Amino acid sequence: MSAFSSIRLSRRSAVIAAGAFGFTAIADREALAAPADLAFEDLYGAIGVLGMSFSDRVKELAGKPVRMRGFMAPPLKAEANFFVLTKIPMALCPFCSSDADWPSDIVVVYLGAKQTFVQYNAPIDVEGALEYGAWTDPDTGFVSLLRLRDARFRTA
């Protein structure tokens, strides 16, 4: 083996190592960017006469991107940047309640960009940053407990 072939082998090793490192870096970045799946059943740890408490999973995923599947409740306005994601199709919006009356199987979705709404009985996948805790929208006065911010959706 000549000195030149030894260098080629080193270069080849370097290229392979760089490729492996790059692949690992891309895989790590995709893993970090990939939203975690969150089901409606994962939202609350306990539901009782004293109210609902958020699950450990919700607390763990707070501020992180999540993906949920559900249905879009009919929006209140033809043009809005938000809607209610429901576990089951709902013909009426469940949104105009206090946090004490808040159903356990809905999430408010605030869109990152305007999108055309879909029929209430079409299943959709939604991705957005999870936020939890009682909050009143200063523009609408609507109360929510769980929200997806900067979200987008597509039909499933």
C-alpha atoms as a PDB file:
ATOM      1  CA  MET A   1       0.000   0.000   0.000  1.00  0.00           C
ATOM      2  CA  SER A   2       1.530   3.263  -1.079  1.00  0.00           C
ATOM      3  CA  ALA A   3       1.455   6.482   0.911  1.00  0.00           C
ATOM      4  CA  PHE A   4      -1.019   7.894  -1.643  1.00  0.00           C
ATOM      5  CA  SER A   5      -3.516   5.074  -1.155  1.00  0.00           C
ATOM      6  CA  SER A   6      -3.138   5.544   2.552  1.00  0.00           C
ATOM      7  CA  ILE A   7      -4.139   9.192   2.097  1.00  0.00           C
ATOM      8  CA  ARG A   8      -7.082   8.164  -0.123  1.00  0.00           C
ATOM      9  CA  LEU A   9      -8.219   5.798   2.538  1.00  0.00           C
ATOM     10  CA  SER A  10      -7.990   8.600   5.050  1.00  0.00           C
ATOM     11  CA  ARG A  11      -9.975  10.888   2.781  1.00  0.00           C
ATOM     12  CA  ARG A  12     -12.522   8.148   2.209  1.00  0.00           C
ATOM     13  CA  SER A  13     -12.765   7.622   5.931  1.00  0.00           C
ATOM     14  CA  ALA A  14     -13.136  11.341   6.401  1.00  0.00           C
ATOM     15  CA  VAL A  15     -15.886  11.504   3.780  1.00  0.00           C
ATOM     16  CA  ILE A  16     -17.688   8.555   5.317  1.00  0.00           C
ATOM     17  CA  ALA A  17     -17.347  10.037   8.776  1.00  0.00           C
ATOM     18  CA  ALA A  18     -18.555  13.436   7.556  1.00  0.00           C
ATOM     19  CA  GLY A  19     -21.487  11.798   5.805  1.00  0.00           C
ATOM     20  CA  ALA A  20     -22.380   9.814   8.883  1.00  0.00           C
ATOM     21  CA  PHE A  21     -22.077  12.904  11.039  1.00  0.00           C
ATOM     22  CA  GLY A  22     -24.210  14.886   8.606  1.00  0.00           C
ATOM     23  CA  PHE A  23     -26.827  12.154   8.469  1.00  0.00           C
ATOM     24  CA  THR A  24     -26.880  11.966  12.250  1.00  0.00           C
ATOM     25  CA  ALA A  25     -27.155  15.749  12.513  1.00  0.00           C
ATOM     26  CA  ILE A  26     -30.052  15.804  10.024  1.00  0.00           C
ATOM     27  CA  ALA A  27     -31.770  12.909  11.795  1.00  0.00           C
ATOM     28  CA  ASP A  28     -31.340  14.677  15.150  1.00  0.00           C
ATOM     29  CA  ARG A  29     -32.679  17.954  13.738  1.00  0.00           C
ATOM     30  CA  GLU A  30     -35.685  16.168  12.211  1.00  0.00           C
ATOM     31  CA  ALA A  31     -36.334  14.384  15.501  1.00  0.00           C
ATOM     32  CA  LEU A  32     -36.236  17.719  17.307  1.00  0.00           C
ATOM     33  CA  ALA A  33     -38.505  19.374  14.767  1.00  0.00           C
ATOM     34  CA  ALA A  34     -40.972  16.492  14.446  1.00  0.00           C
ATOM     35  CA  PRO A  35     -44.113  17.173  16.430  1.00  0.00           C
ATOM     36  CA  ALA A  36     -45.101  14.734  19.148  1.00  0.00           C
ATOM     37  CA  ASP A  37     -48.426  12.997  18.690  1.00  0.00           C
ATOM     38  CA  LEU A  38     -50.985  14.014  21.289  1.00  0.00           C
ATOM     39  CA  ALA A  39     -54.415  12.388  21.629  1.00  0.00           C
ATOM     40  CA  PHE A  40     -57.461  13.856  23.320  1.00  0.00           C
ATOM     41  CA  GLU A  41     -57.203  11.067  25.884  1.00  0.00           C
ATOM     42  CA  ASP A  42     -53.761  12.436  26.866  1.00  0.00           C
ATOM     43  CA  LEU A  43     -54.967  15.937  27.760  1.00  0.00           C
ATOM     44  CA  TYR A  44     -56.092  15.542  31.370  1.00  0.00           C
ATOM     45  CA  GLY A  45     -54.764  13.537  34.271  1.00  0.00           C
ATOM     46  CA  ALA A  46     -57.953  13.651  36.265  1.00  0.00           C
ATOM     47  CA  ILE A  47     -61.472  14.878  35.724  1.00  0.00           C
ATOM     48  CA  GLY A  48     -63.618  15.143  38.827  1.00  0.00           C
ATOM     49  CA  VAL A  49     -66.068  17.267  40.731  1.00  0.00           C
ATOM     50  CA  LEU A  50     -63.297  19.772  41.480  1.00  0.00           C
ATOM     51  CA  GLY A  51     -62.506  20.182  37.789  1.00  0.00           C
ATOM     52  CA  MET A  52     -59.882  18.923  35.400  1.00  0.00           C
ATOM     53  CA  SER A  53     -56.154  18.719  35.951  1.00  0.00           C
ATOM     54  CA  PHE A  54     -53.745  18.645  33.054  1.00  0.00           C
ATOM     55  CA  SER A  55     -51.866  15.431  32.412  1.00  0.00           C
ATOM     56  CA  ASP A  56     -48.127  15.058  32.871  1.00  0.00           C
ATOM     57  CA  ARG A  57     -47.894  14.576  29.093  1.00  0.00           C
ATOM     58  CA  VAL A  58     -49.446  18.020  28.475  1.00  0.00           C
ATOM     59  CA  LYS A  59     -47.101  19.628  31.003  1.00  0.00           C
ATOM     60  CA  GLU A  60     -44.123  17.860  29.404  1.00  0.00           C
ATOM     61  CA  LEU A  61     -45.090  19.019  25.887  1.00  0.00           C
ATOM     62  CA  ALA A  62     -45.942  22.623  26.806  1.00  0.00           C
ATOM     63  CA  GLY A  63     -44.346  25.008  24.323  1.00  0.00           C
ATOM     64  CA  LYS A  64     -43.322  22.168  21.996  1.00  0.00           C
ATOM     65  CA  PRO A  65     -44.777  21.231  18.616  1.00  0.00           C
ATOM     66  CA  VAL A  66     -47.499  18.592  18.776  1.00  0.00           C
ATOM     67  CA  ARG A  67     -49.765  16.919  16.248  1.00  0.00           C
ATOM     68  CA  MET A  68     -53.400  16.129  16.985  1.00  0.00           C
ATOM     69  CA  ARG A  69     -56.167  14.553  14.934  1.00  0.00           C
ATOM     70  CA  GLY A  70     -59.745  15.675  15.312  1.00  0.00           C
ATOM     71  CA  PHE A  71     -62.506  17.705  13.739  1.00  0.00           C
ATOM     72  CA  MET A  72     -63.004  21.418  13.180  1.00  0.00           C
ATOM     73  CA  ALA A  73     -66.015  22.853  14.996  1.00  0.00           C
ATOM     74  CA  PRO A  74     -67.859  25.335  12.802  1.00  0.00           C
ATOM     75  CA  PRO A  75     -65.991  28.664  13.004  1.00  0.00           C
ATOM     76  CA  LEU A  76     -67.897  31.651  14.384  1.00  0.00           C
ATOM     77  CA  LYS A  77     -66.837  33.862  11.499  1.00  0.00           C
ATOM     78  CA  ALA A  78     -66.120  33.149   7.857  1.00  0.00           C
ATOM     79  CA  GLU A  79     -62.658  34.656   8.283  1.00  0.00           C
ATOM     80  CA  ALA A  80     -60.873  33.911  11.512  1.00  0.00           C
ATOM     81  CA  ASN A  81     -57.408  32.900  12.578  1.00  0.00           C
ATOM     82  CA  PHE A  82     -58.665  30.310  15.034  1.00  0.00           C
ATOM     83  CA  PHE A  83     -61.066  27.409  15.397  1.00  0.00           C
ATOM     84  CA  VAL A  84     -61.930  24.702  17.914  1.00  0.00           C
ATOM     85  CA  LEU A  85     -60.538  21.208  17.410  1.00  0.00           C
ATOM     86  CA  THR A  86     -62.920  18.556  18.716  1.00  0.00           C
ATOM     87  CA  LYS A  87     -62.563  14.854  19.330  1.00  0.00           C
ATOM     88  CA  ILE A  88     -65.834  14.096  17.576  1.00  0.00           C
ATOM     89  CA  PRO A  89     -67.635  16.042  14.857  1.00  0.00           C
ATOM     90  CA  MET A  90     -69.734  18.848  16.370  1.00  0.00           C
ATOM     91  CA  ALA A  91     -72.263  20.831  14.371  1.00  0.00           C
ATOM     92  CA  LEU A  92     -72.308  23.621  17.012  1.00  0.00           C
ATOM     93  CA  CYS A  93     -69.359  25.534  18.442  1.00  0.00           C
ATOM     94  CA  PRO A  94     -68.649  24.597  22.088  1.00  0.00           C
ATOM     95  CA  PHE A  95     -66.566  27.738  22.540  1.00  0.00           C
ATOM     96  CA  CYS A  96     -68.790  30.203  24.361  1.00  0.00           C
ATOM     97  CA  SER A  97     -68.385  28.744  27.856  1.00  0.00           C
ATOM     98  CA  SER A  98     -66.486  29.616  30.978  1.00  0.00           C
ATOM     99  CA  ASP A  99     -63.408  27.605  31.909  1.00  0.00           C
ATOM    100  CA  ALA A 100     -65.566  25.806  34.513  1.00  0.00           C
ATOM    101  CA  ASP A 101     -67.809  24.503  31.719  1.00  0.00           C
ATOM    102  CA  TRP A 102     -64.977  23.697  29.360  1.00  0.00           C
ATOM    103  CA  PRO A 103     -65.405  20.258  27.733  1.00  0.00           C
ATOM    104  CA  SER A 104     -62.494  17.863  28.152  1.00  0.00           C
ATOM    105  CA  ASP A 105     -62.237  16.984  24.495  1.00  0.00           C
ATOM    106  CA  ILE A 106     -61.625  20.281  22.702  1.00  0.00           C
ATOM    107  CA  VAL A 107     -58.547  22.389  21.953  1.00  0.00           C
ATOM    108  CA  VAL A 108     -58.452  25.918  20.549  1.00  0.00           C
ATOM    109  CA  VAL A 109     -56.268  26.241  17.464  1.00  0.00           C
ATOM    110  CA  TYR A 110     -54.691  29.586  16.534  1.00  0.00           C
ATOM    111  CA  LEU A 111     -53.459  29.451  12.958  1.00  0.00           C
ATOM    112  CA  GLY A 112     -50.061  30.756  11.967  1.00  0.00           C
ATOM    113  CA  ALA A 113     -51.446  31.768   8.561  1.00  0.00           C
ATOM    114  CA  LYS A 114     -54.905  32.081   7.115  1.00  0.00           C
ATOM    115  CA  GLN A 115     -56.329  28.807   5.787  1.00  0.00           C
ATOM    116  CA  THR A 116     -59.641  27.827   4.289  1.00  0.00           C
ATOM    117  CA  PHE A 117     -61.827  26.075   6.821  1.00  0.00           C
ATOM    118  CA  VAL A 118     -63.214  22.584   6.210  1.00  0.00           C
ATOM    119  CA  GLN A 119     -66.532  20.916   6.978  1.00  0.00           C
ATOM    120  CA  TYR A 120     -67.085  19.995  10.637  1.00  0.00           C
ATOM    121  CA  ASN A 121     -67.237  16.256   9.858  1.00  0.00           C
ATOM    122  CA  ALA A 122     -63.930  16.047   7.924  1.00  0.00           C
ATOM    123  CA  PRO A 123     -61.064  14.606  10.020  1.00  0.00           C
ATOM    124  CA  ILE A 124     -58.024  16.870  10.141  1.00  0.00           C
ATOM    125  CA  ASP A 125     -54.452  16.711  11.424  1.00  0.00           C
ATOM    126  CA  VAL A 126     -53.281  19.839  13.232  1.00  0.00           C
ATOM    127  CA  GLU A 127     -49.722  20.786  14.172  1.00  0.00           C
ATOM    128  CA  GLY A 128     -48.836  23.645  16.486  1.00  0.00           C
ATOM    129  CA  ALA A 129     -47.095  24.612  19.708  1.00  0.00           C
ATOM    130  CA  LEU A 130     -48.991  23.372  22.761  1.00  0.00           C
ATOM    131  CA  GLU A 131     -50.021  25.847  25.433  1.00  0.00           C
ATOM    132  CA  TYR A 132     -52.104  25.096  28.522  1.00  0.00           C
ATOM    133  CA  GLY A 133     -53.807  27.000  31.324  1.00  0.00           C
ATOM    134  CA  ALA A 134     -56.870  29.243  31.463  1.00  0.00           C
ATOM    135  CA  TRP A 135     -56.548  32.159  29.067  1.00  0.00           C
ATOM    136  CA  THR A 136     -59.009  34.714  27.741  1.00  0.00           C
ATOM    137  CA  ASP A 137     -58.508  35.934  24.196  1.00  0.00           C
ATOM    138  CA  PRO A 138     -58.322  39.748  24.486  1.00  0.00           C
ATOM    139  CA  ASP A 139     -59.820  40.196  21.007  1.00  0.00           C
ATOM    140  CA  THR A 140     -62.814  37.877  21.327  1.00  0.00           C
ATOM    141  CA  GLY A 141     -63.250  37.349  25.074  1.00  0.00           C
ATOM    142  CA  PHE A 142     -63.303  33.583  24.543  1.00  0.00           C
ATOM    143  CA  VAL A 143     -61.881  31.427  27.295  1.00  0.00           C
ATOM    144  CA  SER A 144     -59.668  28.417  26.622  1.00  0.00           C
ATOM    145  CA  LEU A 145     -57.694  25.891  28.644  1.00  0.00           C
ATOM    146  CA  LEU A 146     -55.641  24.256  25.885  1.00  0.00           C
ATOM    147  CA  ARG A 147     -54.330  25.911  22.751  1.00  0.00           C
ATOM    148  CA  LEU A 148     -52.193  25.138  19.721  1.00  0.00           C
ATOM    149  CA  ARG A 149     -50.343  28.275  18.618  1.00  0.00           C
ATOM    150  CA  ASP A 150     -48.869  29.080  15.222  1.00  0.00           C
ATOM    151  CA  ALA A 151     -50.725  26.037  13.929  1.00  0.00           C
ATOM    152  CA  ARG A 152     -51.557  24.639  10.540  1.00  0.00           C
ATOM    153  CA  PHE A 153     -53.874  21.822   9.514  1.00  0.00           C
ATOM    154  CA  ARG A 154     -54.658  19.506   6.647  1.00  0.00           C
ATOM    155  CA  THR A 155     -57.415  17.027   6.026  1.00  0.00           C
ATOM    156  CA  ALA A 156     -56.520  13.537   7.187  1.00  0.00           C
END
